[in-house]
């Protein structure tokens, strides 16, 4: 029997995979004239990198999220598949 914690992790994996696959398909769809709207979206995050320098170690950190229509559709499909499985 699966516990409730495992189901949450599986759901998160489904959602992330739907976002990634949908995002890739959205980027590919921008090259097709009648599917351009799937690639429409927003970008947010840390555009300029944050650097931590402590003489021994130097770490640079930057995160940018790109959400488009296809990634939202992919997330919805993955939640639907998760509920059916």
PDB file of N, CA and C in Angstrom:
ATOM      1  N   UNK A   1       0.839  -1.188   0.000  1.00  0.00           N
ATOM      2  CA  UNK A   1       0.000   0.000   0.000  1.00  0.00           C
ATOM      3  C   UNK A   1       0.882   1.249   0.000  1.00  0.00           C
ATOM      4  N   UNK A   2       0.513   2.184  -0.793  1.00  0.00           N
ATOM      5  CA  UNK A   2       1.237   3.451  -0.835  1.00  0.00           C
ATOM      6  C   UNK A   2       0.714   4.381   0.257  1.00  0.00           C
ATOM      7  N   UNK A   3       1.634   5.064   0.871  1.00  0.00           N
ATOM      8  CA  UNK A   3       1.221   6.015   1.896  1.00  0.00           C
ATOM      9  C   UNK A   3       0.868   7.341   1.246  1.00  0.00           C
ATOM     10  N   UNK A   4       0.298   8.214   2.046  1.00  0.00           N
ATOM     11  CA  UNK A   4      -0.102   9.515   1.519  1.00  0.00           C
ATOM     12  C   UNK A   4       1.111  10.350   1.111  1.00  0.00           C
ATOM     13  N   UNK A   5       2.245  10.209   1.817  1.00  0.00           N
ATOM     14  CA  UNK A   5       3.453  10.956   1.477  1.00  0.00           C
ATOM     15  C   UNK A   5       3.988  10.575   0.101  1.00  0.00           C
ATOM     16  N   UNK A   6       3.963   9.290  -0.220  1.00  0.00           N
ATOM     17  CA  UNK A   6       4.438   8.858  -1.528  1.00  0.00           C
ATOM     18  C   UNK A   6       3.546   9.403  -2.637  1.00  0.00           C
ATOM     19  N   UNK A   7       2.257   9.484  -2.404  1.00  0.00           N
ATOM     20  CA  UNK A   7       1.358  10.017  -3.409  1.00  0.00           C
ATOM     21  C   UNK A   7       1.645  11.483  -3.701  1.00  0.00           C
ATOM     22  N   UNK A   8       1.999  12.238  -2.681  1.00  0.00           N
ATOM     23  CA  UNK A   8       2.327  13.652  -2.881  1.00  0.00           C
ATOM     24  C   UNK A   8       3.588  13.782  -3.723  1.00  0.00           C
ATOM     25  N   UNK A   9       4.603  12.950  -3.461  1.00  0.00           N
ATOM     26  CA  UNK A   9       5.825  13.004  -4.250  1.00  0.00           C
ATOM     27  C   UNK A   9       5.576  12.599  -5.698  1.00  0.00           C
ATOM     28  N   UNK A  10       4.768  11.591  -5.893  1.00  0.00           N
ATOM     29  CA  UNK A  10       4.440  11.171  -7.258  1.00  0.00           C
ATOM     30  C   UNK A  10       3.677  12.271  -7.983  1.00  0.00           C
ATOM     31  N   UNK A  11       2.759  12.931  -7.281  1.00  0.00           N
ATOM     32  CA  UNK A  11       2.027  14.050  -7.875  1.00  0.00           C
ATOM     33  C   UNK A  11       2.976  15.173  -8.271  1.00  0.00           C
ATOM     34  N   UNK A  12       3.943  15.497  -7.413  1.00  0.00           N
ATOM     35  CA  UNK A  12       4.908  16.543  -7.742  1.00  0.00           C
ATOM     36  C   UNK A  12       5.749  16.171  -8.956  1.00  0.00           C
ATOM     37  N   UNK A  13       6.127  14.904  -9.059  1.00  0.00           N
ATOM     38  CA  UNK A  13       6.892  14.447 -10.225  1.00  0.00           C
ATOM     39  C   UNK A  13       6.045  14.552 -11.488  1.00  0.00           C
ATOM     40  N   UNK A  14       4.765  14.178 -11.398  1.00  0.00           N
ATOM     41  CA  UNK A  14       3.866  14.306 -12.542  1.00  0.00           C
ATOM     42  C   UNK A  14       3.730  15.766 -12.965  1.00  0.00           C
ATOM     43  N   UNK A  15       3.533  16.657 -12.008  1.00  0.00           N
ATOM     44  CA  UNK A  15       3.353  18.078 -12.322  1.00  0.00           C
ATOM     45  C   UNK A  15       4.616  18.655 -12.948  1.00  0.00           C
ATOM     46  N   UNK A  16       5.784  18.362 -12.359  1.00  0.00           N
ATOM     47  CA  UNK A  16       7.029  18.885 -12.919  1.00  0.00           C
ATOM     48  C   UNK A  16       7.303  18.347 -14.318  1.00  0.00           C
ATOM     49  N   UNK A  17       7.017  17.069 -14.534  1.00  0.00           N
ATOM     50  CA  UNK A  17       7.234  16.526 -15.878  1.00  0.00           C
ATOM     51  C   UNK A  17       6.268  17.153 -16.874  1.00  0.00           C
ATOM     52  N   UNK A  18       5.031  17.420 -16.456  1.00  0.00           N
ATOM     53  CA  UNK A  18       4.084  18.098 -17.335  1.00  0.00           C
ATOM     54  C   UNK A  18       4.529  19.508 -17.673  1.00  0.00           C
ATOM     55  N   UNK A  19       5.098  20.214 -16.692  1.00  0.00           N
ATOM     56  CA  UNK A  19       5.602  21.563 -16.937  1.00  0.00           C
ATOM     57  C   UNK A  19       6.785  21.557 -17.897  1.00  0.00           C
ATOM     58  N   UNK A  20       7.698  20.618 -17.699  1.00  0.00           N
ATOM     59  CA  UNK A  20       8.896  20.567 -18.547  1.00  0.00           C
ATOM     60  C   UNK A  20       8.540  20.172 -19.977  1.00  0.00           C
ATOM     61  N   UNK A  21       7.771  19.105 -20.137  1.00  0.00           N
ATOM     62  CA  UNK A  21       7.398  18.651 -21.488  1.00  0.00           C
ATOM     63  C   UNK A  21       6.544  19.706 -22.183  1.00  0.00           C
ATOM     64  N   UNK A  22       5.593  20.289 -21.449  1.00  0.00           N
ATOM     65  CA  UNK A  22       4.773  21.346 -22.034  1.00  0.00           C
ATOM     66  C   UNK A  22       5.584  22.565 -22.423  1.00  0.00           C
ATOM     67  N   UNK A  23       6.559  22.926 -21.601  1.00  0.00           N
ATOM     68  CA  UNK A  23       7.423  24.060 -21.930  1.00  0.00           C
ATOM     69  C   UNK A  23       8.246  23.814 -23.181  1.00  0.00           C
ATOM     70  N   UNK A  24       8.780  22.596 -23.307  1.00  0.00           N
ATOM     71  CA  UNK A  24       9.543  22.265 -24.512  1.00  0.00           C
ATOM     72  C   UNK A  24       8.662  22.274 -25.753  1.00  0.00           C
ATOM     73  N   UNK A  25       7.472  21.704 -25.637  1.00  0.00           N
ATOM     74  CA  UNK A  25       6.553  21.714 -26.781  1.00  0.00           C
ATOM     75  C   UNK A  25       6.119  23.139 -27.124  1.00  0.00           C
ATOM     76  N   UNK A  26       5.955  23.979 -26.110  1.00  0.00           N
ATOM     77  CA  UNK A  26       5.595  25.371 -26.358  1.00  0.00           C
ATOM     78  C   UNK A  26       6.683  26.126 -27.100  1.00  0.00           C
ATOM     79  N   UNK A  27       7.951  25.855 -26.741  1.00  0.00           N
ATOM     80  CA  UNK A  27       9.059  26.489 -27.451  1.00  0.00           C
ATOM     81  C   UNK A  27       9.138  26.004 -28.893  1.00  0.00           C
ATOM     82  N   UNK A  28       8.887  24.715 -29.107  1.00  0.00           N
ATOM     83  CA  UNK A  28       8.891  24.190 -30.476  1.00  0.00           C
ATOM     84  C   UNK A  28       7.708  24.721 -31.281  1.00  0.00           C
ATOM     85  N   UNK A  29       6.573  24.950 -30.620  1.00  0.00           N
ATOM     86  CA  UNK A  29       5.365  25.396 -31.312  1.00  0.00           C
ATOM     87  C   UNK A  29       5.477  26.836 -31.790  1.00  0.00           C
ATOM     88  N   UNK A  30       6.378  27.629 -31.233  1.00  0.00           N
ATOM     89  CA  UNK A  30       6.523  29.018 -31.686  1.00  0.00           C
ATOM     90  C   UNK A  30       7.015  29.098 -33.122  1.00  0.00           C
ATOM     91  N   UNK A  31       7.643  28.030 -33.611  1.00  0.00           N
ATOM     92  CA  UNK A  31       8.136  28.017 -34.992  1.00  0.00           C
ATOM     93  C   UNK A  31       7.042  27.705 -36.001  1.00  0.00           C
ATOM     94  N   UNK A  32       5.895  27.242 -35.528  1.00  0.00           N
ATOM     95  CA  UNK A  32       4.761  26.934 -36.404  1.00  0.00           C
ATOM     96  C   UNK A  32       3.787  28.113 -36.331  1.00  0.00           C
ATOM     97  N   UNK A  33       3.430  28.655 -37.467  1.00  0.00           N
ATOM     98  CA  UNK A  33       2.688  29.921 -37.493  1.00  0.00           C
ATOM     99  C   UNK A  33       1.333  29.852 -36.803  1.00  0.00           C
ATOM    100  N   UNK A  34       0.610  28.764 -36.926  1.00  0.00           N
ATOM    101  CA  UNK A  34      -0.722  28.707 -36.335  1.00  0.00           C
ATOM    102  C   UNK A  34      -0.723  28.167 -34.907  1.00  0.00           C
ATOM    103  N   UNK A  35       0.460  27.802 -34.353  1.00  0.00           N
ATOM    104  CA  UNK A  35       0.573  27.363 -32.954  1.00  0.00           C
ATOM    105  C   UNK A  35       1.411  28.323 -32.112  1.00  0.00           C
ATOM    106  N   UNK A  36       1.608  29.544 -32.591  1.00  0.00           N
ATOM    107  CA  UNK A  36       2.452  30.496 -31.873  1.00  0.00           C
ATOM    108  C   UNK A  36       1.945  30.776 -30.470  1.00  0.00           C
ATOM    109  N   UNK A  37       0.643  30.692 -30.264  1.00  0.00           N
ATOM    110  CA  UNK A  37       0.041  31.049 -28.980  1.00  0.00           C
ATOM    111  C   UNK A  37       0.413  30.074 -27.868  1.00  0.00           C
ATOM    112  N   UNK A  38       0.842  28.851 -28.199  1.00  0.00           N
ATOM    113  CA  UNK A  38       1.280  27.900 -27.173  1.00  0.00           C
ATOM    114  C   UNK A  38       2.583  28.334 -26.510  1.00  0.00           C
ATOM    115  N   UNK A  39       3.371  29.114 -27.211  1.00  0.00           N
ATOM    116  CA  UNK A  39       4.638  29.594 -26.668  1.00  0.00           C
ATOM    117  C   UNK A  39       4.535  30.907 -25.927  1.00  0.00           C
ATOM    118  N   UNK A  40       3.342  31.507 -25.897  1.00  0.00           N
ATOM    119  CA  UNK A  40       3.160  32.776 -25.204  1.00  0.00           C
ATOM    120  C   UNK A  40       3.246  32.556 -23.694  1.00  0.00           C
ATOM    121  N   UNK A  41       4.020  33.367 -23.010  1.00  0.00           N
ATOM    122  CA  UNK A  41       4.135  33.204 -21.573  1.00  0.00           C
ATOM    123  C   UNK A  41       4.952  34.306 -20.927  1.00  0.00           C
ATOM    124  N   UNK A  42       5.307  34.072 -19.689  1.00  0.00           N
ATOM    125  CA  UNK A  42       6.060  35.035 -18.898  1.00  0.00           C
ATOM    126  C   UNK A  42       7.331  34.387 -18.354  1.00  0.00           C
ATOM    127  N   UNK A  43       8.267  35.252 -18.001  1.00  0.00           N
ATOM    128  CA  UNK A  43       9.539  34.829 -17.433  1.00  0.00           C
ATOM    129  C   UNK A  43       9.757  35.611 -16.147  1.00  0.00           C
ATOM    130  N   UNK A  44      10.100  34.909 -15.066  1.00  0.00           N
ATOM    131  CA  UNK A  44      10.364  35.598 -13.808  1.00  0.00           C
ATOM    132  C   UNK A  44      11.441  34.854 -13.029  1.00  0.00           C
ATOM    133  N   UNK A  45      12.077  35.576 -12.123  1.00  0.00           N
ATOM    134  CA  UNK A  45      13.127  34.983 -11.298  1.00  0.00           C
ATOM    135  C   UNK A  45      14.235  35.973 -11.046  1.00  0.00           C
ATOM    136  N   UNK A  46      15.416  35.465 -10.713  1.00  0.00           N
ATOM    137  CA  UNK A  46      16.597  36.285 -10.481  1.00  0.00           C
ATOM    138  C   UNK A  46      17.349  36.430 -11.796  1.00  0.00           C
ATOM    139  N   UNK A  47      17.143  37.535 -12.483  1.00  0.00           N
ATOM    140  CA  UNK A  47      17.785  37.698 -13.782  1.00  0.00           C
ATOM    141  C   UNK A  47      19.276  38.018 -13.645  1.00  0.00           C
ATOM    142  N   UNK A  48      19.646  38.769 -12.622  1.00  0.00           N
ATOM    143  CA  UNK A  48      21.071  39.006 -12.393  1.00  0.00           C
ATOM    144  C   UNK A  48      21.546  38.037 -11.308  1.00  0.00           C
ATOM    145  N   UNK A  49      22.671  37.358 -11.533  1.00  0.00           N
ATOM    146  CA  UNK A  49      23.112  36.330 -10.592  1.00  0.00           C
ATOM    147  C   UNK A  49      23.503  36.898  -9.227  1.00  0.00           C
ATOM    148  N   UNK A  50      23.244  36.135  -8.189  1.00  0.00           N
ATOM    149  CA  UNK A  50      23.650  36.473  -6.833  1.00  0.00           C
ATOM    150  C   UNK A  50      24.927  35.684  -6.549  1.00  0.00           C
ATOM    151  N   UNK A  51      25.972  36.373  -6.072  1.00  0.00           N
ATOM    152  CA  UNK A  51      27.259  35.735  -5.846  1.00  0.00           C
ATOM    153  C   UNK A  51      27.614  35.776  -4.368  1.00  0.00           C
ATOM    154  N   UNK A  52      28.034  34.636  -3.840  1.00  0.00           N
ATOM    155  CA  UNK A  52      28.520  34.519  -2.470  1.00  0.00           C
ATOM    156  C   UNK A  52      30.004  34.173  -2.546  1.00  0.00           C
ATOM    157  N   UNK A  53      30.845  35.085  -2.054  1.00  0.00           N
ATOM    158  CA  UNK A  53      32.289  34.891  -2.110  1.00  0.00           C
ATOM    159  C   UNK A  53      32.833  34.867  -0.691  1.00  0.00           C
ATOM    160  N   UNK A  54      33.369  33.711  -0.266  1.00  0.00           N
ATOM    161  CA  UNK A  54      33.939  33.602   1.083  1.00  0.00           C
ATOM    162  C   UNK A  54      35.411  33.176   1.015  1.00  0.00           C
ATOM    163  N   UNK A  55      36.135  33.670   0.012  1.00  0.00           N
ATOM    164  CA  UNK A  55      37.568  33.455  -0.237  1.00  0.00           C
ATOM    165  C   UNK A  55      37.929  32.009  -0.562  1.00  0.00           C
ATOM    166  N   UNK A  56      37.381  31.048   0.114  1.00  0.00           N
ATOM    167  CA  UNK A  56      37.668  29.645  -0.186  1.00  0.00           C
ATOM    168  C   UNK A  56      36.745  29.142  -1.285  1.00  0.00           C
ATOM    169  N   UNK A  57      35.532  29.657  -1.262  1.00  0.00           N
ATOM    170  CA  UNK A  57      34.495  29.174  -2.172  1.00  0.00           C
ATOM    171  C   UNK A  57      33.739  30.366  -2.740  1.00  0.00           C
ATOM    172  N   UNK A  58      33.471  30.316  -4.018  1.00  0.00           N
ATOM    173  CA  UNK A  58      32.680  31.349  -4.671  1.00  0.00           C
ATOM    174  C   UNK A  58      31.501  30.668  -5.371  1.00  0.00           C
ATOM    175  N   UNK A  59      30.278  31.045  -4.970  1.00  0.00           N
ATOM    176  CA  UNK A  59      29.071  30.420  -5.496  1.00  0.00           C
ATOM    177  C   UNK A  59      28.230  31.492  -6.186  1.00  0.00           C
ATOM    178  N   UNK A  60      27.812  31.202  -7.400  1.00  0.00           N
ATOM    179  CA  UNK A  60      26.935  32.095  -8.144  1.00  0.00           C
ATOM    180  C   UNK A  60      25.610  31.381  -8.353  1.00  0.00           C
ATOM    181  N   UNK A  61      24.514  32.097  -8.061  1.00  0.00           N
ATOM    182  CA  UNK A  61      23.189  31.489  -8.075  1.00  0.00           C
ATOM    183  C   UNK A  61      22.239  32.367  -8.878  1.00  0.00           C
ATOM    184  N   UNK A  62      21.530  31.758  -9.813  1.00  0.00           N
ATOM    185  CA  UNK A  62      20.525  32.469 -10.606  1.00  0.00           C
ATOM    186  C   UNK A  62      19.442  31.486 -11.023  1.00  0.00           C
ATOM    187  N   UNK A  63      18.189  31.888 -10.874  1.00  0.00           N
ATOM    188  CA  UNK A  63      17.058  31.037 -11.247  1.00  0.00           C
ATOM    189  C   UNK A  63      16.078  31.860 -12.067  1.00  0.00           C
ATOM    190  N   UNK A  64      15.692  31.327 -13.221  1.00  0.00           N
ATOM    191  CA  UNK A  64      14.694  31.981 -14.057  1.00  0.00           C
ATOM    192  C   UNK A  64      13.656  30.936 -14.456  1.00  0.00           C
ATOM    193  N   UNK A  65      12.396  31.232 -14.228  1.00  0.00           N
ATOM    194  CA  UNK A  65      11.292  30.355 -14.592  1.00  0.00           C
ATOM    195  C   UNK A  65      10.610  30.913 -15.835  1.00  0.00           C
ATOM    196  N   UNK A  66      10.342  30.048 -16.798  1.00  0.00           N
ATOM    197  CA  UNK A  66       9.591  30.424 -17.993  1.00  0.00           C
ATOM    198  C   UNK A  66       8.318  29.586 -18.022  1.00  0.00           C
ATOM    199  N   UNK A  67       7.195  30.251 -17.896  1.00  0.00           N
ATOM    200  CA  UNK A  67       5.901  29.583 -17.923  1.00  0.00           C
ATOM    201  C   UNK A  67       5.194  30.016 -19.205  1.00  0.00           C
ATOM    202  N   UNK A  68       4.747  29.045 -20.002  1.00  0.00           N
ATOM    203  CA  UNK A  68       3.982  29.380 -21.197  1.00  0.00           C
ATOM    204  C   UNK A  68       2.669  28.595 -21.201  1.00  0.00           C
ATOM    205  N   UNK A  69       1.841  28.859 -22.177  1.00  0.00           N
ATOM    206  CA  UNK A  69       0.521  28.228 -22.258  1.00  0.00           C
ATOM    207  C   UNK A  69       0.645  26.712 -22.353  1.00  0.00           C
ATOM    208  N   UNK A  70       1.602  26.234 -23.143  1.00  0.00           N
ATOM    209  CA  UNK A  70       1.772  24.783 -23.308  1.00  0.00           C
ATOM    210  C   UNK A  70       2.192  24.121 -22.000  1.00  0.00           C
ATOM    211  N   UNK A  71       2.997  24.787 -21.178  1.00  0.00           N
ATOM    212  CA  UNK A  71       3.397  24.186 -19.903  1.00  0.00           C
ATOM    213  C   UNK A  71       2.219  24.121 -18.937  1.00  0.00           C
ATOM    214  N   UNK A  72       1.337  25.091 -18.982  1.00  0.00           N
ATOM    215  CA  UNK A  72       0.135  25.054 -18.141  1.00  0.00           C
ATOM    216  C   UNK A  72      -0.785  23.918 -18.601  1.00  0.00           C
ATOM    217  N   UNK A  73      -0.928  23.750 -19.919  1.00  0.00           N
ATOM    218  CA  UNK A  73      -1.727  22.648 -20.451  1.00  0.00           C
ATOM    219  C   UNK A  73      -1.086  21.312 -20.070  1.00  0.00           C
ATOM    220  N   UNK A  74       0.236  21.213 -20.155  1.00  0.00           N
ATOM    221  CA  UNK A  74       0.932  19.992 -19.768  1.00  0.00           C
ATOM    222  C   UNK A  74       0.749  19.664 -18.300  1.00  0.00           C
ATOM    223  N   UNK A  75       0.756  20.688 -17.443  1.00  0.00           N
ATOM    224  CA  UNK A  75       0.529  20.475 -16.019  1.00  0.00           C
ATOM    225  C   UNK A  75      -0.894  19.976 -15.774  1.00  0.00           C
ATOM    226  N   UNK A  76      -1.876  20.546 -16.459  1.00  0.00           N
ATOM    227  CA  UNK A  76      -3.264  20.117 -16.302  1.00  0.00           C
ATOM    228  C   UNK A  76      -3.452  18.675 -16.776  1.00  0.00           C
ATOM    229  N   UNK A  77      -2.822  18.316 -17.888  1.00  0.00           N
ATOM    230  CA  UNK A  77      -2.918  16.942 -18.384  1.00  0.00           C
ATOM    231  C   UNK A  77      -2.260  15.970 -17.415  1.00  0.00           C
ATOM    232  N   UNK A  78      -1.129  16.354 -16.834  1.00  0.00           N
ATOM    233  CA  UNK A  78      -0.456  15.456 -15.894  1.00  0.00           C
ATOM    234  C   UNK A  78      -1.279  15.262 -14.626  1.00  0.00           C
ATOM    235  N   UNK A  79      -1.970  16.289 -14.150  1.00  0.00           N
ATOM    236  CA  UNK A  79      -2.850  16.126 -12.986  1.00  0.00           C
ATOM    237  C   UNK A  79      -4.016  15.213 -13.344  1.00  0.00           C
ATOM    238  N   UNK A  80      -4.567  15.366 -14.540  1.00  0.00           N
ATOM    239  CA  UNK A  80      -5.655  14.509 -14.999  1.00  0.00           C
ATOM    240  C   UNK A  80      -5.210  13.046 -15.061  1.00  0.00           C
ATOM    241  N   UNK A  81      -4.020  12.789 -15.617  1.00  0.00           N
ATOM    242  CA  UNK A  81      -3.497  11.427 -15.697  1.00  0.00           C
ATOM    243  C   UNK A  81      -3.239  10.876 -14.299  1.00  0.00           C
ATOM    244  N   UNK A  82      -2.710  11.698 -13.404  1.00  0.00           N
ATOM    245  CA  UNK A  82      -2.462  11.258 -12.033  1.00  0.00           C
ATOM    246  C   UNK A  82      -3.762  10.820 -11.342  1.00  0.00           C
ATOM    247  N   UNK A  83      -4.812  11.566 -11.555  1.00  0.00           N
ATOM    248  CA  UNK A  83      -6.103  11.213 -10.931  1.00  0.00           C
ATOM    249  C   UNK A  83      -6.665   9.927 -11.500  1.00  0.00           C
ATOM    250  N   UNK A  84      -6.426   9.656 -12.792  1.00  0.00           N
ATOM    251  CA  UNK A  84      -6.941   8.432 -13.411  1.00  0.00           C
ATOM    252  C   UNK A  84      -6.126   7.201 -13.012  1.00  0.00           C
ATOM    253  N   UNK A  85      -4.848   7.404 -12.711  1.00  0.00           N
ATOM    254  CA  UNK A  85      -3.990   6.268 -12.329  1.00  0.00           C
ATOM    255  C   UNK A  85      -4.132   6.062 -10.887  1.00  0.00           C
TER     256      UNK A  85
END
